[in-house]
Amino acid sequence: MNSEVNWVSVFATNVLQKRRQMGMSQEELSHRVGVDVRYLGGIERAQRNPSLKVITSIAVALNTTPSALLTDVTS
């Protein structure tokens, strides 16, 4: 069994959960971050590997930190 963490998936899951907890739509978050809604959807489906700049912008928009969005809570 591979014990390596898939950080893109961890980030995707955490962004999706935090956005839903805040009652925010993908459209609203994408507007706040300054990215296309399709790109944000790709991030939430772990199909995109965002830059550090985008990661920090998402964290600010979700009122959290990049480290919180990169915390693996499944372990």
PDB file of N, CA and C in Angstrom:
ATOM      1  N   MET A   1       0.835  -1.188   0.000  1.00  0.00           N
ATOM      2  CA  MET A   1       0.000   0.000   0.000  1.00  0.00           C
ATOM      3  C   MET A   1       0.873   1.242   0.000  1.00  0.00           C
ATOM      4  N   ASN A   2       0.520   2.216  -0.825  1.00  0.00           N
ATOM      5  CA  ASN A   2       1.272   3.453  -0.934  1.00  0.00           C
ATOM      6  C   ASN A   2       0.804   4.422   0.140  1.00  0.00           C
ATOM      7  N   SER A   3       1.707   4.824   1.032  1.00  0.00           N
ATOM      8  CA  SER A   3       1.332   5.707   2.126  1.00  0.00           C
ATOM      9  C   SER A   3       1.601   7.175   1.816  1.00  0.00           C
ATOM     10  N   GLU A   4       2.014   7.491   0.594  1.00  0.00           N
ATOM     11  CA  GLU A   4       2.256   8.879   0.210  1.00  0.00           C
ATOM     12  C   GLU A   4       0.949   9.650   0.169  1.00  0.00           C
ATOM     13  N   VAL A   5       0.988  10.868   0.659  1.00  0.00           N
ATOM     14  CA  VAL A   5      -0.193  11.725   0.662  1.00  0.00           C
ATOM     15  C   VAL A   5      -0.309  12.422  -0.696  1.00  0.00           C
ATOM     16  N   ASN A   6      -1.485  12.439  -1.264  1.00  0.00           N
ATOM     17  CA  ASN A   6      -1.749  13.175  -2.495  1.00  0.00           C
ATOM     18  C   ASN A   6      -2.183  14.582  -2.083  1.00  0.00           C
ATOM     19  N   TRP A   7      -1.229  15.508  -2.076  1.00  0.00           N
ATOM     20  CA  TRP A   7      -1.495  16.851  -1.568  1.00  0.00           C
ATOM     21  C   TRP A   7      -2.482  17.628  -2.429  1.00  0.00           C
ATOM     22  N   VAL A   8      -2.540  17.346  -3.707  1.00  0.00           N
ATOM     23  CA  VAL A   8      -3.519  18.009  -4.575  1.00  0.00           C
ATOM     24  C   VAL A   8      -4.926  17.601  -4.138  1.00  0.00           C
ATOM     25  N   SER A   9      -5.119  16.334  -3.816  1.00  0.00           N
ATOM     26  CA  SER A   9      -6.427  15.856  -3.350  1.00  0.00           C
ATOM     27  C   SER A   9      -6.771  16.399  -1.968  1.00  0.00           C
ATOM     28  N   VAL A  10      -5.780  16.464  -1.085  1.00  0.00           N
ATOM     29  CA  VAL A  10      -6.008  17.021   0.254  1.00  0.00           C
ATOM     30  C   VAL A  10      -6.466  18.466   0.128  1.00  0.00           C
ATOM     31  N   PHE A  11      -5.751  19.240  -0.681  1.00  0.00           N
ATOM     32  CA  PHE A  11      -6.104  20.642  -0.881  1.00  0.00           C
ATOM     33  C   PHE A  11      -7.504  20.765  -1.478  1.00  0.00           C
ATOM     34  N   ALA A  12      -7.795  19.949  -2.492  1.00  0.00           N
ATOM     35  CA  ALA A  12      -9.103  19.983  -3.152  1.00  0.00           C
ATOM     36  C   ALA A  12     -10.234  19.720  -2.161  1.00  0.00           C
ATOM     37  N   THR A  13     -10.082  18.695  -1.366  1.00  0.00           N
ATOM     38  CA  THR A  13     -11.111  18.338  -0.377  1.00  0.00           C
ATOM     39  C   THR A  13     -11.311  19.450   0.630  1.00  0.00           C
ATOM     40  N   ASN A  14     -10.215  20.012   1.128  1.00  0.00           N
ATOM     41  CA  ASN A  14     -10.313  21.059   2.138  1.00  0.00           C
ATOM     42  C   ASN A  14     -10.924  22.342   1.593  1.00  0.00           C
ATOM     43  N   VAL A  15     -10.583  22.709   0.367  1.00  0.00           N
ATOM     44  CA  VAL A  15     -11.177  23.904  -0.249  1.00  0.00           C
ATOM     45  C   VAL A  15     -12.684  23.705  -0.410  1.00  0.00           C
ATOM     46  N   LEU A  16     -13.074  22.569  -0.950  1.00  0.00           N
ATOM     47  CA  LEU A  16     -14.496  22.280  -1.152  1.00  0.00           C
ATOM     48  C   LEU A  16     -15.258  22.314   0.171  1.00  0.00           C
ATOM     49  N   GLN A  17     -14.731  21.653   1.186  1.00  0.00           N
ATOM     50  CA  GLN A  17     -15.416  21.617   2.489  1.00  0.00           C
ATOM     51  C   GLN A  17     -15.508  23.001   3.117  1.00  0.00           C
ATOM     52  N   LYS A  18     -14.429  23.759   3.089  1.00  0.00           N
ATOM     53  CA  LYS A  18     -14.428  25.097   3.688  1.00  0.00           C
ATOM     54  C   LYS A  18     -15.379  26.019   2.939  1.00  0.00           C
ATOM     55  N   ARG A  19     -15.384  25.944   1.608  1.00  0.00           N
ATOM     56  CA  ARG A  19     -16.282  26.785   0.815  1.00  0.00           C
ATOM     57  C   ARG A  19     -17.736  26.474   1.154  1.00  0.00           C
ATOM     58  N   ARG A  20     -18.066  25.194   1.250  1.00  0.00           N
ATOM     59  CA  ARG A  20     -19.437  24.800   1.585  1.00  0.00           C
ATOM     60  C   ARG A  20     -19.805  25.214   3.003  1.00  0.00           C
ATOM     61  N   GLN A  21     -18.860  25.089   3.945  1.00  0.00           N
ATOM     62  CA  GLN A  21     -19.116  25.516   5.330  1.00  0.00           C
ATOM     63  C   GLN A  21     -19.459  27.000   5.390  1.00  0.00           C
ATOM     64  N   MET A  22     -18.839  27.771   4.523  1.00  0.00           N
ATOM     65  CA  MET A  22     -19.080  29.210   4.496  1.00  0.00           C
ATOM     66  C   MET A  22     -20.316  29.577   3.678  1.00  0.00           C
ATOM     67  N   GLY A  23     -20.923  28.578   3.040  1.00  0.00           N
ATOM     68  CA  GLY A  23     -22.109  28.841   2.231  1.00  0.00           C
ATOM     69  C   GLY A  23     -21.805  29.644   0.975  1.00  0.00           C
ATOM     70  N   MET A  24     -20.614  29.462   0.448  1.00  0.00           N
ATOM     71  CA  MET A  24     -20.155  30.227  -0.702  1.00  0.00           C
ATOM     72  C   MET A  24     -20.242  29.376  -1.970  1.00  0.00           C
ATOM     73  N   SER A  25     -20.672  29.982  -3.051  1.00  0.00           N
ATOM     74  CA  SER A  25     -20.716  29.274  -4.332  1.00  0.00           C
ATOM     75  C   SER A  25     -19.330  29.275  -4.971  1.00  0.00           C
ATOM     76  N   GLN A  26     -19.147  28.378  -5.932  1.00  0.00           N
ATOM     77  CA  GLN A  26     -17.888  28.375  -6.690  1.00  0.00           C
ATOM     78  C   GLN A  26     -17.705  29.708  -7.412  1.00  0.00           C
ATOM     79  N   GLU A  27     -18.790  30.255  -7.917  1.00  0.00           N
ATOM     80  CA  GLU A  27     -18.724  31.528  -8.626  1.00  0.00           C
ATOM     81  C   GLU A  27     -18.223  32.640  -7.717  1.00  0.00           C
ATOM     82  N   GLU A  28     -18.755  32.686  -6.491  1.00  0.00           N
ATOM     83  CA  GLU A  28     -18.336  33.726  -5.561  1.00  0.00           C
ATOM     84  C   GLU A  28     -16.865  33.566  -5.182  1.00  0.00           C
ATOM     85  N   LEU A  29     -16.454  32.332  -4.881  1.00  0.00           N
ATOM     86  CA  LEU A  29     -15.056  32.108  -4.514  1.00  0.00           C
ATOM     87  C   LEU A  29     -14.136  32.426  -5.683  1.00  0.00           C
ATOM     88  N   SER A  30     -14.494  31.997  -6.872  1.00  0.00           N
ATOM     89  CA  SER A  30     -13.633  32.267  -8.033  1.00  0.00           C
ATOM     90  C   SER A  30     -13.496  33.771  -8.267  1.00  0.00           C
ATOM     91  N   HIS A  31     -14.574  34.511  -8.046  1.00  0.00           N
ATOM     92  CA  HIS A  31     -14.530  35.969  -8.185  1.00  0.00           C
ATOM     93  C   HIS A  31     -13.591  36.577  -7.146  1.00  0.00           C
ATOM     94  N   ARG A  32     -13.705  36.127  -5.893  1.00  0.00           N
ATOM     95  CA  ARG A  32     -12.852  36.652  -4.820  1.00  0.00           C
ATOM     96  C   ARG A  32     -11.373  36.337  -5.061  1.00  0.00           C
ATOM     97  N   VAL A  33     -11.111  35.162  -5.631  1.00  0.00           N
ATOM     98  CA  VAL A  33      -9.733  34.731  -5.856  1.00  0.00           C
ATOM     99  C   VAL A  33      -9.159  35.333  -7.145  1.00  0.00           C
ATOM    100  N   GLY A  34     -10.042  35.626  -8.109  1.00  0.00           N
ATOM    101  CA  GLY A  34      -9.598  36.178  -9.382  1.00  0.00           C
ATOM    102  C   GLY A  34      -9.215  35.114 -10.386  1.00  0.00           C
ATOM    103  N   VAL A  35      -9.898  33.954 -10.301  1.00  0.00           N
ATOM    104  CA  VAL A  35      -9.679  32.877 -11.257  1.00  0.00           C
ATOM    105  C   VAL A  35     -11.002  32.507 -11.908  1.00  0.00           C
ATOM    106  N   ASP A  36     -10.920  31.861 -13.044  1.00  0.00           N
ATOM    107  CA  ASP A  36     -12.118  31.400 -13.735  1.00  0.00           C
ATOM    108  C   ASP A  36     -12.805  30.310 -12.917  1.00  0.00           C
ATOM    109  N   VAL A  37     -14.125  30.301 -12.938  1.00  0.00           N
ATOM    110  CA  VAL A  37     -14.888  29.317 -12.159  1.00  0.00           C
ATOM    111  C   VAL A  37     -14.565  27.891 -12.602  1.00  0.00           C
ATOM    112  N   ARG A  38     -14.265  27.697 -13.879  1.00  0.00           N
ATOM    113  CA  ARG A  38     -13.901  26.351 -14.356  1.00  0.00           C
ATOM    114  C   ARG A  38     -12.559  25.918 -13.784  1.00  0.00           C
ATOM    115  N   TYR A  39     -11.646  26.856 -13.633  1.00  0.00           N
ATOM    116  CA  TYR A  39     -10.346  26.550 -13.026  1.00  0.00           C
ATOM    117  C   TYR A  39     -10.536  26.171 -11.555  1.00  0.00           C
ATOM    118  N   LEU A  40     -11.363  26.920 -10.839  1.00  0.00           N
ATOM    119  CA  LEU A  40     -11.643  26.607  -9.441  1.00  0.00           C
ATOM    120  C   LEU A  40     -12.301  25.234  -9.327  1.00  0.00           C
ATOM    121  N   GLY A  41     -13.221  24.914 -10.211  1.00  0.00           N
ATOM    122  CA  GLY A  41     -13.843  23.592 -10.217  1.00  0.00           C
ATOM    123  C   GLY A  41     -12.811  22.504 -10.413  1.00  0.00           C
ATOM    124  N   GLY A  42     -11.835  22.752 -11.279  1.00  0.00           N
ATOM    125  CA  GLY A  42     -10.753  21.801 -11.493  1.00  0.00           C
ATOM    126  C   GLY A  42      -9.897  21.617 -10.248  1.00  0.00           C
ATOM    127  N   ILE A  43      -9.696  22.696  -9.500  1.00  0.00           N
ATOM    128  CA  ILE A  43      -8.960  22.607  -8.235  1.00  0.00           C
ATOM    129  C   ILE A  43      -9.742  21.735  -7.261  1.00  0.00           C
ATOM    130  N   GLU A  44     -11.048  21.969  -7.145  1.00  0.00           N
ATOM    131  CA  GLU A  44     -11.871  21.208  -6.208  1.00  0.00           C
ATOM    132  C   GLU A  44     -12.019  19.739  -6.602  1.00  0.00           C
ATOM    133  N   ARG A  45     -11.810  19.417  -7.863  1.00  0.00           N
ATOM    134  CA  ARG A  45     -11.861  18.018  -8.315  1.00  0.00           C
ATOM    135  C   ARG A  45     -10.466  17.393  -8.370  1.00  0.00           C
ATOM    136  N   ALA A  46      -9.471  18.131  -7.886  1.00  0.00           N
ATOM    137  CA  ALA A  46      -8.073  17.682  -7.872  1.00  0.00           C
ATOM    138  C   ALA A  46      -7.548  17.426  -9.281  1.00  0.00           C
ATOM    139  N   GLN A  47      -8.056  18.176 -10.242  1.00  0.00           N
ATOM    140  CA  GLN A  47      -7.588  18.062 -11.617  1.00  0.00           C
ATOM    141  C   GLN A  47      -6.589  19.161 -11.963  1.00  0.00           C
ATOM    142  N   ARG A  48      -6.467  20.144 -11.092  1.00  0.00           N
ATOM    143  CA  ARG A  48      -5.540  21.261 -11.291  1.00  0.00           C
ATOM    144  C   ARG A  48      -4.572  21.317 -10.127  1.00  0.00           C
ATOM    145  N   ASN A  49      -3.372  21.758 -10.400  1.00  0.00           N
ATOM    146  CA  ASN A  49      -2.341  21.917  -9.385  1.00  0.00           C
ATOM    147  C   ASN A  49      -2.050  23.410  -9.281  1.00  0.00           C
ATOM    148  N   PRO A  50      -2.732  24.109  -8.371  1.00  0.00           N
ATOM    149  CA  PRO A  50      -2.612  25.569  -8.327  1.00  0.00           C
ATOM    150  C   PRO A  50      -1.241  26.035  -7.836  1.00  0.00           C
ATOM    151  N   SER A  51      -0.899  27.238  -8.259  1.00  0.00           N
ATOM    152  CA  SER A  51       0.347  27.859  -7.821  1.00  0.00           C
ATOM    153  C   SER A  51       0.221  28.302  -6.366  1.00  0.00           C
ATOM    154  N   LEU A  52       1.343  28.612  -5.768  1.00  0.00           N
ATOM    155  CA  LEU A  52       1.346  29.105  -4.394  1.00  0.00           C
ATOM    156  C   LEU A  52       0.545  30.403  -4.287  1.00  0.00           C
ATOM    157  N   LYS A  53       0.613  31.233  -5.296  1.00  0.00           N
ATOM    158  CA  LYS A  53      -0.141  32.489  -5.309  1.00  0.00           C
ATOM    159  C   LYS A  53      -1.647  32.203  -5.256  1.00  0.00           C
ATOM    160  N   VAL A  54      -2.108  31.243  -6.037  1.00  0.00           N
ATOM    161  CA  VAL A  54      -3.530  30.893  -6.035  1.00  0.00           C
ATOM    162  C   VAL A  54      -3.917  30.240  -4.711  1.00  0.00           C
ATOM    163  N   ILE A  55      -3.052  29.380  -4.184  1.00  0.00           N
ATOM    164  CA  ILE A  55      -3.329  28.737  -2.894  1.00  0.00           C
ATOM    165  C   ILE A  55      -3.514  29.790  -1.812  1.00  0.00           C
ATOM    166  N   THR A  56      -2.632  30.777  -1.761  1.00  0.00           N
ATOM    167  CA  THR A  56      -2.752  31.808  -0.737  1.00  0.00           C
ATOM    168  C   THR A  56      -3.974  32.690  -0.965  1.00  0.00           C
ATOM    169  N   SER A  57      -4.301  32.971  -2.200  1.00  0.00           N
ATOM    170  CA  SER A  57      -5.497  33.768  -2.502  1.00  0.00           C
ATOM    171  C   SER A  57      -6.771  33.029  -2.083  1.00  0.00           C
ATOM    172  N   ILE A  58      -6.809  31.726  -2.314  1.00  0.00           N
ATOM    173  CA  ILE A  58      -7.963  30.924  -1.889  1.00  0.00           C
ATOM    174  C   ILE A  58      -8.065  30.929  -0.368  1.00  0.00           C
ATOM    175  N   ALA A  59      -6.938  30.766   0.305  1.00  0.00           N
ATOM    176  CA  ALA A  59      -6.936  30.764   1.770  1.00  0.00           C
ATOM    177  C   ALA A  59      -7.475  32.083   2.321  1.00  0.00           C
ATOM    178  N   VAL A  60      -7.023  33.192   1.776  1.00  0.00           N
ATOM    179  CA  VAL A  60      -7.501  34.508   2.224  1.00  0.00           C
ATOM    180  C   VAL A  60      -9.002  34.637   1.980  1.00  0.00           C
ATOM    181  N   ALA A  61      -9.460  34.227   0.810  1.00  0.00           N
ATOM    182  CA  ALA A  61     -10.881  34.319   0.473  1.00  0.00           C
ATOM    183  C   ALA A  61     -11.742  33.442   1.371  1.00  0.00           C
ATOM    184  N   LEU A  62     -11.169  32.347   1.869  1.00  0.00           N
ATOM    185  CA  LEU A  62     -11.905  31.436   2.754  1.00  0.00           C
ATOM    186  C   LEU A  62     -11.621  31.719   4.233  1.00  0.00           C
ATOM    187  N   ASN A  63     -10.937  32.834   4.497  1.00  0.00           N
ATOM    188  CA  ASN A  63     -10.655  33.258   5.864  1.00  0.00           C
ATOM    189  C   ASN A  63      -9.919  32.176   6.659  1.00  0.00           C
ATOM    190  N   THR A  64      -8.908  31.616   6.031  1.00  0.00           N
ATOM    191  CA  THR A  64      -8.108  30.573   6.666  1.00  0.00           C
ATOM    192  C   THR A  64      -6.660  30.741   6.228  1.00  0.00           C
ATOM    193  N   THR A  65      -5.842  29.752   6.482  1.00  0.00           N
ATOM    194  CA  THR A  65      -4.429  29.800   6.094  1.00  0.00           C
ATOM    195  C   THR A  65      -4.129  28.723   5.062  1.00  0.00           C
ATOM    196  N   PRO A  66      -3.078  28.930   4.275  1.00  0.00           N
ATOM    197  CA  PRO A  66      -2.687  27.871   3.345  1.00  0.00           C
ATOM    198  C   PRO A  66      -2.396  26.559   4.066  1.00  0.00           C
ATOM    199  N   SER A  67      -1.765  26.638   5.230  1.00  0.00           N
ATOM    200  CA  SER A  67      -1.435  25.409   5.946  1.00  0.00           C
ATOM    201  C   SER A  67      -2.688  24.643   6.375  1.00  0.00           C
ATOM    202  N   ALA A  68      -3.749  25.362   6.728  1.00  0.00           N
ATOM    203  CA  ALA A  68      -4.994  24.683   7.100  1.00  0.00           C
ATOM    204  C   ALA A  68      -5.584  23.955   5.892  1.00  0.00           C
ATOM    205  N   LEU A  69      -5.456  24.540   4.713  1.00  0.00           N
ATOM    206  CA  LEU A  69      -5.992  23.903   3.510  1.00  0.00           C
ATOM    207  C   LEU A  69      -5.122  22.744   3.042  1.00  0.00           C
ATOM    208  N   LEU A  70      -3.905  22.655   3.577  1.00  0.00           N
ATOM    209  CA  LEU A  70      -2.993  21.571   3.209  1.00  0.00           C
ATOM    210  C   LEU A  70      -2.818  20.562   4.345  1.00  0.00           C
ATOM    211  N   THR A  71      -3.740  20.567   5.286  1.00  0.00           N
ATOM    212  CA  THR A  71      -3.680  19.633   6.401  1.00  0.00           C
ATOM    213  C   THR A  71      -4.476  18.391   6.047  1.00  0.00           C
ATOM    214  N   ASP A  72      -3.820  17.251   6.112  1.00  0.00           N
ATOM    215  CA  ASP A  72      -4.466  15.977   5.802  1.00  0.00           C
ATOM    216  C   ASP A  72      -5.218  15.493   7.045  1.00  0.00           C
ATOM    217  N   VAL A  73      -6.531  15.560   7.006  1.00  0.00           N
ATOM    218  CA  VAL A  73      -7.332  15.162   8.168  1.00  0.00           C
ATOM    219  C   VAL A  73      -7.770  13.700   8.080  1.00  0.00           C
ATOM    220  N   THR A  74      -7.348  12.987   7.044  1.00  0.00           N
ATOM    221  CA  THR A  74      -7.749  11.584   6.896  1.00  0.00           C
ATOM    222  C   THR A  74      -6.805  10.636   7.614  1.00  0.00           C
ATOM    223  N   SER A  75      -5.667  11.146   8.051  1.00  0.00           N
ATOM    224  CA  SER A  75      -4.674  10.276   8.717  1.00  0.00           C
ATOM    225  C   SER A  75      -5.072   9.941  10.126  1.00  0.00           C
TER     226      SER A  75
END
